[in-house]
N, C-alpha and C. Protein backbone atom coordinates (compact mmCIF):
# COMPACT_ATOMS: atom_id res chain seq x y z
N UNK A 1 89.34 -20.83 -87.95
CA UNK A 1 88.96 -19.57 -87.96
C UNK A 1 87.08 -20.08 -88.69
N UNK A 2 87.14 -20.94 -89.61
CA UNK A 2 85.85 -20.96 -89.93
C UNK A 2 84.69 -21.70 -89.02
N UNK A 3 85.42 -22.42 -88.03
CA UNK A 3 84.80 -23.03 -87.06
C UNK A 3 84.13 -22.08 -85.82
N UNK A 4 85.37 -21.20 -85.56
CA UNK A 4 84.85 -20.08 -84.85
C UNK A 4 84.01 -19.22 -84.94
N UNK A 5 83.96 -18.64 -86.72
CA UNK A 5 82.88 -18.20 -86.76
C UNK A 5 81.54 -18.47 -87.25
N UNK A 6 81.46 -20.29 -87.24
CA UNK A 6 80.16 -20.76 -87.44
C UNK A 6 79.81 -20.75 -85.83
N UNK A 7 80.71 -20.96 -85.02
CA UNK A 7 80.12 -20.89 -83.40
C UNK A 7 79.73 -19.43 -83.38
N UNK A 8 80.44 -18.33 -83.71
CA UNK A 8 80.06 -17.12 -83.07
C UNK A 8 78.56 -16.89 -83.81
N UNK A 9 78.34 -17.33 -84.93
CA UNK A 9 77.11 -17.12 -85.88
C UNK A 9 75.96 -17.92 -85.41
N UNK A 10 76.21 -19.61 -84.67
CA UNK A 10 74.98 -20.06 -84.04
C UNK A 10 74.61 -19.52 -82.60
N UNK A 11 75.58 -18.78 -82.22
CA UNK A 11 75.47 -18.06 -80.64
C UNK A 11 74.53 -17.15 -81.12
N UNK A 12 74.92 -16.10 -82.07
CA UNK A 12 73.82 -15.35 -82.75
C UNK A 12 72.51 -15.47 -83.09
N UNK A 13 72.76 -16.39 -83.69
CA UNK A 13 71.33 -16.96 -84.18
C UNK A 13 70.23 -17.11 -83.14
N UNK A 14 70.76 -18.18 -82.40
CA UNK A 14 70.51 -18.99 -81.08
C UNK A 14 69.52 -17.71 -80.26
N UNK A 15 70.58 -16.47 -80.07
CA UNK A 15 70.23 -15.47 -79.05
C UNK A 15 68.93 -14.79 -79.79
N UNK A 16 69.25 -14.43 -81.30
CA UNK A 16 68.13 -13.83 -81.86
C UNK A 16 66.75 -14.50 -81.62
N UNK A 17 66.71 -15.95 -82.18
CA UNK A 17 65.60 -16.91 -82.20
C UNK A 17 65.15 -16.85 -80.59
N UNK A 18 65.91 -16.74 -79.66
CA UNK A 18 64.98 -17.11 -78.44
C UNK A 18 64.43 -15.75 -77.83
N UNK A 19 65.14 -14.73 -78.56
CA UNK A 19 64.51 -13.38 -77.99
C UNK A 19 63.43 -13.32 -78.86
N UNK A 20 63.43 -13.91 -79.89
CA UNK A 20 61.49 -13.66 -80.44
C UNK A 20 60.65 -14.56 -80.55
N UNK A 21 61.14 -15.31 -79.35
CA UNK A 21 60.15 -16.83 -79.15
C UNK A 21 59.48 -16.19 -78.13
N UNK A 22 59.91 -15.42 -77.23
CA UNK A 22 59.13 -14.96 -75.65
C UNK A 22 58.10 -14.25 -76.08
N UNK A 23 57.00 -15.12 -75.35
CA UNK A 23 55.85 -14.22 -75.28
C UNK A 23 55.91 -13.21 -74.46
N UNK A 24 55.18 -11.76 -74.53
CA UNK A 24 55.40 -10.63 -73.89
C UNK A 24 54.02 -11.03 -72.57
N UNK A 25 54.82 -10.67 -71.33
CA UNK A 25 54.19 -11.15 -70.06
C UNK A 25 53.27 -10.21 -69.65
N UNK A 26 51.98 -9.88 -69.19
CA UNK A 26 50.95 -9.09 -69.04
C UNK A 26 51.81 -7.91 -67.79
N UNK A 27 51.73 -6.74 -67.44
CA UNK A 27 52.13 -6.02 -66.54
C UNK A 27 51.39 -6.79 -65.27
N UNK A 28 52.16 -6.86 -64.29
CA UNK A 28 51.68 -7.44 -62.62
C UNK A 28 50.74 -6.47 -61.95
N UNK A 29 50.95 -5.04 -62.07
CA UNK A 29 50.29 -4.26 -61.73
C UNK A 29 48.52 -4.16 -62.26
N UNK A 30 48.58 -4.61 -63.60
CA UNK A 30 47.25 -4.72 -64.15
C UNK A 30 46.32 -5.50 -63.57
N UNK A 31 46.88 -6.74 -62.76
CA UNK A 31 46.05 -7.57 -62.35
C UNK A 31 46.07 -7.58 -60.80
N UNK A 32 46.40 -6.30 -60.35
CA UNK A 32 46.38 -6.76 -58.60
C UNK A 32 45.18 -6.28 -57.94
N UNK A 33 44.82 -7.19 -57.47
CA UNK A 33 43.02 -6.98 -56.63
C UNK A 33 43.39 -5.62 -55.65
N UNK A 34 42.16 -4.95 -55.98
CA UNK A 34 42.19 -3.60 -55.33
C UNK A 34 42.32 -2.25 -56.37
N UNK A 35 43.11 -2.88 -57.38
CA UNK A 35 43.78 -1.34 -58.09
C UNK A 35 42.59 -1.30 -59.04
N UNK A 36 42.46 -0.12 -59.50
CA UNK A 36 41.40 0.40 -60.38
C UNK A 36 42.24 0.22 -61.95
N UNK A 37 41.12 -1.09 -62.57
CA UNK A 37 41.66 -1.20 -63.84
C UNK A 37 40.89 0.07 -64.60
N UNK A 38 42.09 -0.02 -66.21
CA UNK A 38 41.96 1.09 -67.08
C UNK A 38 40.39 0.82 -67.71
N UNK A 39 39.99 1.94 -67.90
CA UNK A 39 38.78 1.79 -68.58
C UNK A 39 38.63 1.38 -69.95
N UNK A 40 37.67 0.59 -70.22
CA UNK A 40 38.08 -0.11 -71.67
C UNK A 40 37.75 0.64 -72.87
N UNK A 41 38.29 0.88 -74.25
CA UNK A 41 38.30 1.77 -75.04
C UNK A 41 37.24 1.79 -75.78
N UNK A 42 35.99 2.30 -75.56
CA UNK A 42 34.65 2.20 -76.24
C UNK A 42 34.90 2.85 -77.75
N UNK A 43 35.78 3.17 -78.33
CA UNK A 43 36.06 3.66 -79.74
C UNK A 43 35.69 2.79 -80.54
N UNK A 44 36.44 1.53 -80.47
CA UNK A 44 36.18 0.60 -81.24
C UNK A 44 35.25 -0.40 -81.02
N UNK A 45 34.15 -0.35 -80.20
CA UNK A 45 32.83 -1.11 -79.91
C UNK A 45 32.11 -0.87 -81.15
N UNK A 46 31.29 -1.79 -81.75
CA UNK A 46 29.93 -1.36 -82.22
C UNK A 46 29.19 -1.35 -81.13
N UNK A 47 28.28 0.34 -81.86
CA UNK A 47 27.25 0.51 -80.81
C UNK A 47 27.82 1.39 -79.71
N UNK A 48 28.94 2.21 -79.59
CA UNK A 48 29.70 2.74 -78.69
C UNK A 48 28.68 3.62 -77.77
N UNK A 49 28.68 2.85 -76.34
CA UNK A 49 27.58 3.56 -75.07
C UNK A 49 27.71 5.23 -75.41
N UNK A 50 26.48 5.46 -75.23
CA UNK A 50 26.43 7.16 -75.10
C UNK A 50 26.77 8.02 -73.82
N UNK A 51 26.56 6.95 -72.69
CA UNK A 51 26.70 7.53 -71.63
C UNK A 51 28.09 7.98 -71.30
N UNK A 52 28.58 9.37 -70.73
CA UNK A 52 29.47 10.26 -70.47
C UNK A 52 29.97 9.30 -68.91
N UNK A 53 31.42 9.59 -68.71
CA UNK A 53 32.24 9.12 -67.59
C UNK A 53 31.97 9.62 -66.71
N UNK A 54 31.88 9.38 -65.52
CA UNK A 54 31.54 10.01 -64.14
C UNK A 54 32.41 10.51 -63.43
N UNK A 55 32.77 11.86 -63.44
CA UNK A 55 33.94 12.22 -62.93
C UNK A 55 34.98 11.97 -63.53
N UNK A 56 36.54 12.67 -62.71
CA UNK A 56 37.54 12.19 -63.53
C UNK A 56 38.00 10.98 -63.46
N UNK A 57 37.74 10.10 -62.55
CA UNK A 57 38.20 8.62 -62.29
C UNK A 57 36.88 8.02 -62.04
N UNK A 58 36.41 7.34 -63.30
CA UNK A 58 35.10 6.88 -62.72
C UNK A 58 35.02 5.34 -61.75
N UNK A 59 36.36 5.20 -61.62
CA UNK A 59 36.64 4.08 -60.64
C UNK A 59 36.68 4.35 -59.01
N UNK A 60 36.61 5.63 -58.73
CA UNK A 60 36.74 6.21 -57.66
C UNK A 60 35.48 6.84 -57.14
N UNK A 61 34.82 6.65 -56.14
CA UNK A 61 33.74 7.34 -55.39
C UNK A 61 34.67 8.35 -54.15
N UNK A 62 33.33 9.36 -53.89
CA UNK A 62 33.82 10.20 -52.51
C UNK A 62 33.99 9.21 -51.59
N UNK A 63 33.32 7.94 -51.35
CA UNK A 63 33.80 6.92 -50.64
C UNK A 63 34.92 6.25 -50.31
N UNK A 64 35.49 5.98 -48.88
CA UNK A 64 36.24 5.37 -48.58
C UNK A 64 36.39 4.01 -49.58
N UNK A 65 37.66 4.19 -50.05
CA UNK A 65 37.73 2.53 -51.26
C UNK A 65 37.63 1.65 -50.39
N UNK A 66 38.54 1.44 -49.12
CA UNK A 66 38.38 0.14 -48.35
C UNK A 66 36.95 -0.14 -47.72
N UNK A 67 36.42 0.81 -46.89
CA UNK A 67 35.39 0.56 -46.58
C UNK A 67 33.94 0.41 -47.60
N UNK A 68 33.69 0.96 -48.35
CA UNK A 68 32.40 1.04 -48.87
C UNK A 68 31.33 1.34 -48.25
N UNK A 69 29.92 1.05 -49.11
CA UNK A 69 29.01 1.17 -48.39
C UNK A 69 28.73 0.01 -46.64
N UNK A 70 28.98 -0.99 -47.02
CA UNK A 70 28.46 -1.84 -46.32
C UNK A 70 29.69 -2.81 -45.58
N UNK A 71 29.33 -3.14 -44.35
CA UNK A 71 30.67 -4.25 -43.80
C UNK A 71 30.65 -5.62 -44.59
N UNK A 72 31.55 -6.15 -44.54
CA UNK A 72 31.27 -7.37 -44.92
C UNK A 72 32.30 -8.57 -44.47
N UNK A 73 31.68 -10.33 -44.89
CA UNK A 73 32.39 -10.90 -44.04
C UNK A 73 33.58 -11.52 -45.01
N UNK A 74 34.57 -12.09 -44.43
CA UNK A 74 35.98 -13.08 -45.37
C UNK A 74 35.11 -13.52 -46.62
N UNK A 75 33.98 -13.86 -46.95
CA UNK A 75 33.65 -14.24 -48.24
C UNK A 75 32.81 -13.30 -49.17
N UNK A 76 32.76 -12.06 -48.93
CA UNK A 76 32.79 -10.99 -49.39
C UNK A 76 31.08 -10.52 -49.77
N UNK A 77 30.71 -11.18 -48.34
CA UNK A 77 29.18 -11.18 -48.30
C UNK A 77 28.82 -10.00 -47.56
N UNK A 78 27.88 -9.30 -47.87
CA UNK A 78 26.96 -8.06 -46.95
C UNK A 78 26.70 -8.36 -45.85
N UNK A 79 26.94 -7.84 -44.92
CA UNK A 79 26.56 -8.03 -43.20
C UNK A 79 25.35 -7.21 -43.10
N UNK A 80 25.31 -6.11 -43.73
CA UNK A 80 24.04 -5.48 -42.52
C UNK A 80 23.19 -4.99 -44.05
N UNK A 81 21.71 -4.93 -43.78
CA UNK A 81 20.60 -4.38 -44.59
C UNK A 81 20.22 -5.60 -45.02
N UNK A 82 18.78 -5.24 -45.31
CA UNK A 82 18.03 -6.55 -46.22
C UNK A 82 18.56 -6.34 -47.78
N UNK A 83 18.80 -7.56 -48.19
CA UNK A 83 19.17 -7.57 -49.44
C UNK A 83 17.90 -8.36 -50.25
N UNK A 84 17.30 -7.42 -51.57
CA UNK A 84 16.42 -7.79 -52.39
C UNK A 84 16.95 -8.57 -53.57
N UNK A 85 17.11 -9.62 -54.10
CA UNK A 85 17.57 -10.28 -54.89
C UNK A 85 16.35 -10.33 -55.93
N UNK A 86 16.71 -10.50 -57.41
CA UNK A 86 15.85 -10.64 -58.22
C UNK A 86 14.77 -9.81 -58.76
N UNK A 87 14.81 -8.63 -58.26
CA UNK A 87 13.78 -7.37 -58.53
C UNK A 87 14.54 -7.08 -59.82
N UNK A 88 15.42 -7.55 -60.12
CA UNK A 88 15.90 -6.23 -61.62
C UNK A 88 16.50 -7.85 -62.33
N UNK A 89 16.38 -7.82 -63.73
CA UNK A 89 17.14 -8.50 -64.73
C UNK A 89 18.61 -8.35 -64.61
N UNK A 90 19.43 -9.85 -64.86
CA UNK A 90 20.54 -9.73 -64.99
C UNK A 90 21.10 -9.35 -66.20
N UNK A 91 22.29 -8.27 -65.84
CA UNK A 91 22.90 -7.67 -67.06
C UNK A 91 24.04 -9.01 -67.50
N UNK A 92 24.14 -9.29 -68.78
CA UNK A 92 24.97 -10.29 -69.34
C UNK A 92 26.23 -9.71 -69.96
N UNK A 93 27.54 -10.03 -70.41
CA UNK A 93 28.10 -9.22 -71.11
C UNK A 93 29.20 -10.52 -71.80
N UNK A 94 29.51 -9.78 -73.15
CA UNK A 94 30.09 -10.53 -73.85
C UNK A 94 31.54 -11.27 -73.52
N UNK A 95 32.13 -12.40 -74.09
CA UNK A 95 33.34 -12.80 -73.93
C UNK A 95 34.36 -11.71 -73.67
N UNK A 96 35.11 -11.40 -72.61
CA UNK A 96 35.94 -10.73 -71.92
C UNK A 96 35.68 -9.19 -72.35
N UNK A 97 34.36 -8.61 -72.03
CA UNK A 97 33.87 -7.32 -72.37
C UNK A 97 33.50 -7.23 -70.93
N UNK A 98 33.47 -5.69 -71.29
CA UNK A 98 32.74 -4.98 -69.72
C UNK A 98 32.13 -3.98 -70.05
N UNK A 99 31.48 -3.41 -71.46
CA UNK A 99 30.55 -2.79 -71.46
C UNK A 99 29.06 -3.18 -71.51
N UNK A 100 28.09 -1.98 -71.15
CA UNK A 100 26.72 -2.45 -71.32
C UNK A 100 26.09 -2.50 -72.77
N UNK A 101 25.85 -3.68 -72.89
CA UNK A 101 24.87 -3.82 -74.18
C UNK A 101 23.53 -2.91 -74.59
N UNK A 102 23.40 -2.43 -75.98
CA UNK A 102 22.57 -1.61 -75.92
C UNK A 102 21.30 -1.82 -75.53
N UNK A 103 21.01 -3.48 -75.58
CA UNK A 103 19.43 -4.22 -75.19
C UNK A 103 19.42 -4.19 -73.79
N UNK A 104 20.40 -3.79 -73.01
CA UNK A 104 20.17 -3.90 -71.54
C UNK A 104 20.02 -2.51 -71.29
N UNK A 105 20.10 -1.43 -71.75
CA UNK A 105 20.35 -0.11 -71.28
C UNK A 105 18.81 0.16 -70.80
N UNK A 106 17.50 -0.43 -71.22
CA UNK A 106 16.28 -0.25 -71.32
C UNK A 106 16.09 -1.05 -69.68
N UNK A 107 16.48 -1.75 -68.98
CA UNK A 107 16.61 -2.19 -67.86
C UNK A 107 16.98 -1.69 -66.99
N UNK A 108 18.61 -0.78 -67.19
CA UNK A 108 19.19 -0.06 -66.18
C UNK A 108 18.43 1.38 -65.99
N UNK A 109 17.36 1.67 -67.15
CA UNK A 109 16.72 2.59 -66.92
C UNK A 109 15.65 2.49 -65.97
N UNK A 110 15.09 1.36 -66.43
CA UNK A 110 14.11 0.94 -64.90
C UNK A 110 14.50 1.06 -63.63
N UNK A 111 15.75 0.50 -63.58
CA UNK A 111 16.70 0.41 -62.26
C UNK A 111 17.01 1.67 -61.51
N UNK A 112 16.85 2.55 -62.55
CA UNK A 112 17.39 4.02 -62.07
C UNK A 112 15.78 4.77 -61.54
N UNK A 113 14.97 4.34 -62.39
CA UNK A 113 13.79 4.87 -62.03
C UNK A 113 13.08 4.27 -60.37
N UNK A 114 13.42 3.08 -60.26
CA UNK A 114 12.98 2.38 -58.92
C UNK A 114 13.97 3.24 -58.05
N UNK A 115 14.94 3.07 -58.26
CA UNK A 115 16.19 4.27 -57.02
C UNK A 115 15.63 5.38 -56.80
N UNK A 116 14.87 6.01 -57.79
CA UNK A 116 14.30 7.43 -57.56
C UNK A 116 13.27 7.21 -56.90
N UNK A 117 12.37 6.35 -56.93
CA UNK A 117 11.12 6.49 -56.56
C UNK A 117 11.40 5.89 -55.08
N UNK A 118 12.57 5.12 -54.77
CA UNK A 118 12.57 4.51 -52.75
C UNK A 118 14.44 5.66 -52.59
N UNK A 119 14.10 6.43 -52.35
CA UNK A 119 15.36 7.52 -52.08
C UNK A 119 16.38 6.60 -51.03
N UNK A 120 15.33 5.98 -50.25
CA UNK A 120 16.37 5.27 -48.66
C UNK A 120 16.82 3.86 -49.24
N UNK A 121 16.76 3.58 -50.70
CA UNK A 121 17.39 2.22 -50.67
C UNK A 121 18.76 2.85 -51.47
N UNK A 122 19.69 1.55 -51.48
CA UNK A 122 21.08 1.63 -51.85
C UNK A 122 21.22 0.56 -52.92
N UNK A 123 21.76 0.42 -54.12
CA UNK A 123 21.84 -0.60 -54.70
C UNK A 123 23.39 -1.10 -54.80
N UNK A 124 23.69 -2.77 -54.58
CA UNK A 124 24.85 -3.11 -54.89
C UNK A 124 24.43 -4.12 -56.52
N UNK A 125 25.73 -3.75 -57.01
CA UNK A 125 26.23 -4.57 -58.09
C UNK A 125 27.22 -5.58 -58.24
N UNK A 126 27.11 -6.78 -58.32
CA UNK A 126 27.99 -7.82 -58.43
C UNK A 126 28.32 -8.38 -59.63
N UNK A 127 30.04 -8.28 -60.16
CA UNK A 127 30.17 -8.45 -61.05
C UNK A 127 30.89 -9.77 -61.13
N UNK A 128 30.45 -10.67 -62.35
CA UNK A 128 31.03 -12.13 -62.21
C UNK A 128 31.51 -12.25 -63.65
N UNK A 129 32.30 -13.48 -63.92
CA UNK A 129 32.78 -13.64 -64.92
C UNK A 129 32.99 -15.31 -64.64
N UNK A 130 33.18 -15.88 -66.19
CA UNK A 130 33.45 -17.46 -66.33
C UNK A 130 34.49 -17.98 -65.52
N UNK A 131 34.93 -19.27 -65.85
CA UNK A 131 35.94 -19.50 -65.33
C UNK A 131 37.42 -19.67 -66.25
N UNK A 132 37.11 -19.07 -67.29
CA UNK A 132 38.21 -18.89 -68.03
C UNK A 132 39.34 -17.98 -67.43
N UNK A 133 40.61 -17.72 -67.32
CA UNK A 133 41.06 -16.24 -66.83
C UNK A 133 41.77 -16.97 -65.66
N UNK A 134 42.72 -15.86 -65.30
CA UNK A 134 43.47 -16.12 -63.51
C UNK A 134 42.58 -15.10 -63.03
N UNK A 135 42.36 -15.89 -61.77
CA UNK A 135 41.41 -15.56 -60.68
C UNK A 135 41.61 -13.86 -60.39
N UNK A 136 42.85 -13.31 -60.68
CA UNK A 136 43.30 -12.03 -60.59
C UNK A 136 42.63 -11.29 -61.60
N UNK A 137 42.92 -11.43 -62.66
CA UNK A 137 42.27 -10.81 -64.12
C UNK A 137 40.61 -11.28 -63.82
N UNK A 138 40.04 -11.76 -63.40
CA UNK A 138 38.60 -12.13 -63.69
C UNK A 138 37.96 -11.17 -62.42
N UNK A 139 38.89 -11.05 -61.16
CA UNK A 139 38.23 -10.14 -59.72
C UNK A 139 38.17 -8.71 -60.93
N UNK A 140 39.50 -8.56 -61.61
CA UNK A 140 39.75 -7.34 -62.39
C UNK A 140 38.49 -6.75 -63.40
N UNK A 141 38.09 -8.12 -63.90
CA UNK A 141 37.21 -7.99 -65.18
C UNK A 141 35.64 -7.81 -64.63
N UNK A 142 35.27 -8.41 -63.49
CA UNK A 142 34.25 -8.55 -62.60
C UNK A 142 33.84 -7.04 -62.23
N UNK A 143 35.07 -6.34 -61.93
CA UNK A 143 35.02 -4.84 -61.29
C UNK A 143 34.89 -4.10 -62.45
N UNK A 144 35.27 -4.30 -63.30
CA UNK A 144 35.03 -3.40 -64.64
C UNK A 144 33.42 -3.64 -65.07
N UNK A 145 33.13 -4.73 -65.18
CA UNK A 145 31.58 -5.06 -65.58
C UNK A 145 30.62 -4.53 -64.62
N UNK A 146 31.06 -4.75 -63.32
CA UNK A 146 30.13 -3.66 -62.20
C UNK A 146 30.05 -2.35 -62.02
N UNK A 147 31.37 -1.72 -62.62
CA UNK A 147 31.45 -0.35 -62.46
C UNK A 147 30.67 0.36 -64.10
N UNK A 148 30.84 -0.45 -64.87
CA UNK A 148 30.10 -0.33 -66.18
C UNK A 148 28.67 0.00 -65.88
N UNK A 149 28.04 -1.10 -65.45
CA UNK A 149 26.48 -0.78 -64.93
C UNK A 149 26.92 0.26 -64.17
N UNK A 150 27.62 0.59 -63.22
CA UNK A 150 27.10 1.51 -62.08
C UNK A 150 27.20 2.92 -62.82
N UNK A 151 28.11 3.11 -63.53
CA UNK A 151 28.41 4.36 -64.39
C UNK A 151 27.15 4.73 -65.03
N UNK A 152 26.48 3.32 -65.79
CA UNK A 152 25.49 4.00 -66.42
C UNK A 152 24.30 4.76 -65.73
N UNK A 153 23.79 4.04 -64.76
CA UNK A 153 23.26 3.94 -63.79
C UNK A 153 23.16 5.62 -63.28
N UNK A 154 24.36 6.10 -62.84
CA UNK A 154 24.92 7.14 -62.44
C UNK A 154 24.87 8.05 -63.59
N UNK A 155 24.86 7.98 -64.43
CA UNK A 155 24.67 8.68 -65.84
C UNK A 155 23.11 9.29 -65.86
N UNK A 156 22.35 8.31 -65.22
CA UNK A 156 20.86 8.22 -65.30
C UNK A 156 20.25 9.09 -64.18
N UNK A 157 21.02 10.21 -63.25
CA UNK A 157 20.99 11.17 -62.11
C UNK A 157 21.02 10.20 -60.75
N UNK A 158 21.41 9.05 -60.72
CA UNK A 158 21.45 8.32 -59.62
C UNK A 158 22.77 8.97 -58.87
N UNK A 159 22.57 9.27 -57.34
CA UNK A 159 23.68 9.55 -56.69
C UNK A 159 24.79 8.46 -56.73
N UNK A 160 26.03 8.57 -57.27
CA UNK A 160 26.92 7.44 -56.86
C UNK A 160 26.81 6.92 -55.69
N UNK A 161 26.96 7.82 -54.39
CA UNK A 161 26.86 7.29 -53.05
C UNK A 161 25.88 6.26 -52.83
N UNK A 162 24.87 6.03 -53.67
CA UNK A 162 23.89 5.30 -53.52
C UNK A 162 24.21 3.91 -53.98
N UNK A 163 25.27 3.78 -54.59
CA UNK A 163 25.67 2.52 -55.45
C UNK A 163 26.73 1.81 -55.26
N UNK A 164 27.06 0.67 -54.67
CA UNK A 164 28.26 0.08 -54.32
C UNK A 164 28.21 -1.27 -55.14
N UNK A 165 29.84 -1.35 -55.84
CA UNK A 165 30.19 -2.30 -56.60
C UNK A 165 30.83 -3.42 -55.98
N UNK A 166 30.85 -4.77 -55.76
CA UNK A 166 31.59 -5.69 -55.51
C UNK A 166 31.70 -7.08 -56.78
N UNK A 167 33.10 -7.14 -57.02
CA UNK A 167 33.40 -8.08 -57.99
C UNK A 167 33.63 -9.48 -57.25
N UNK A 168 33.13 -10.35 -57.65
CA UNK A 168 32.74 -11.94 -57.40
C UNK A 168 34.13 -12.56 -58.40
N UNK A 169 34.12 -12.19 -59.31
CA UNK A 169 35.21 -12.56 -60.43
C UNK A 169 34.84 -14.28 -60.75
N UNK A 170 35.47 -15.13 -60.97
CA UNK A 170 34.89 -16.46 -61.41
C UNK A 170 34.93 -17.22 -59.96
N UNK A 171 34.55 -16.77 -58.75
CA UNK A 171 34.47 -17.47 -57.38
C UNK A 171 33.46 -18.35 -57.42
N UNK A 172 32.17 -17.94 -58.27
CA UNK A 172 31.19 -18.82 -58.27
C UNK A 172 30.70 -19.20 -59.72
N UNK A 173 31.60 -19.21 -60.46
CA UNK A 173 31.84 -19.86 -61.59
C UNK A 173 31.59 -21.13 -61.95
N UNK A 174 31.08 -21.98 -62.77
CA UNK A 174 31.06 -23.29 -62.74
C UNK A 174 32.08 -23.84 -63.86
N UNK A 175 33.05 -24.46 -63.35
CA UNK A 175 34.33 -24.73 -64.10
C UNK A 175 34.32 -25.99 -64.84
N UNK A 176 32.97 -26.63 -64.77
CA UNK A 176 32.69 -27.38 -65.81
C UNK A 176 31.96 -27.19 -66.94
N UNK A 177 31.58 -25.93 -66.89
CA UNK A 177 30.69 -25.15 -67.67
C UNK A 177 30.93 -25.23 -69.20
N UNK A 178 30.20 -25.44 -70.22
CA UNK A 178 30.45 -25.16 -71.51
C UNK A 178 30.06 -23.92 -72.02
N UNK A 179 30.13 -23.74 -73.11
CA UNK A 179 29.71 -22.22 -73.66
C UNK A 179 28.82 -21.63 -73.45
N UNK A 180 27.65 -22.14 -73.37
CA UNK A 180 26.09 -21.90 -72.90
C UNK A 180 26.35 -21.11 -71.33
N UNK A 181 27.22 -22.43 -70.38
CA UNK A 181 27.08 -22.40 -69.08
C UNK A 181 27.89 -21.14 -68.93
N UNK A 182 28.94 -20.91 -69.49
CA UNK A 182 29.98 -19.55 -69.32
C UNK A 182 29.45 -18.29 -69.99
N UNK A 183 28.49 -18.35 -70.77
CA UNK A 183 28.05 -17.14 -71.28
C UNK A 183 26.94 -16.70 -69.98
N UNK A 184 26.25 -17.87 -69.23
CA UNK A 184 25.54 -17.34 -68.00
C UNK A 184 26.20 -16.92 -66.86
N UNK A 185 27.51 -17.12 -66.97
CA UNK A 185 28.76 -16.32 -65.75
C UNK A 185 29.05 -15.09 -65.88
N UNK A 186 28.98 -14.64 -67.19
CA UNK A 186 29.69 -13.33 -67.75
C UNK A 186 28.38 -12.36 -67.14
N UNK A 187 28.26 -11.78 -66.35
CA UNK A 187 27.10 -11.04 -65.95
C UNK A 187 27.44 -9.57 -64.68
N UNK A 188 26.10 -9.16 -64.18
CA UNK A 188 26.11 -8.23 -62.97
C UNK A 188 24.99 -8.51 -62.45
N UNK A 189 24.62 -8.86 -61.22
CA UNK A 189 23.55 -8.84 -60.98
C UNK A 189 23.25 -7.50 -59.93
N UNK A 190 22.36 -6.95 -60.07
CA UNK A 190 21.84 -5.85 -59.03
C UNK A 190 20.75 -6.29 -58.25
N UNK A 191 21.08 -5.77 -56.64
CA UNK A 191 20.81 -6.12 -55.32
C UNK A 191 20.30 -4.74 -54.98
N UNK A 192 19.02 -4.80 -54.38
CA UNK A 192 18.57 -3.33 -53.34
C UNK A 192 19.07 -3.75 -52.25
N UNK A 193 19.58 -2.87 -51.34
CA UNK A 193 19.79 -2.92 -50.08
C UNK A 193 19.38 -1.89 -49.03
N UNK A 194 18.48 -2.62 -48.34
CA UNK A 194 17.69 -1.41 -47.49
C UNK A 194 18.07 -1.44 -46.16
């Protein structure tokens, strides 16, 4: 009888310990490419961004989500319009973050002013990540970074139909980069398209 109790106790203990040791898995739908990720909770961040959310869902435009403003090739490159790169400073992000830092807001105000002075120009915002994390997660994070920049520019009075975002995730990241190189890969680049 004691042997039977010990076996049952051992099985119960094993079941409890194995249940406790399982890591919680992320919800697969949170990393699906093409889904709108949840906006980060800005309430716990230092120096909360002051700009309001645009519309009911800041990740949806009146534009068809599948088509966007510009045609693209299979590598996500824009096929139409002249691209003017390097006109604006690159916006960098902290590790695993997507909010616009206070120091970058002045640069984005200059971008909005440039767009106001050239009403026929469009803005393409490309979001990038470093090599850490899965490809799916980094594509979603790149999308959140580009969307955060777009939201700020739109809050400055720019029509959202003139701004498109594109996540490049970690597709262009240097897989051998150290800490400094990874910091340079966590960015959003702003490109004028005419």
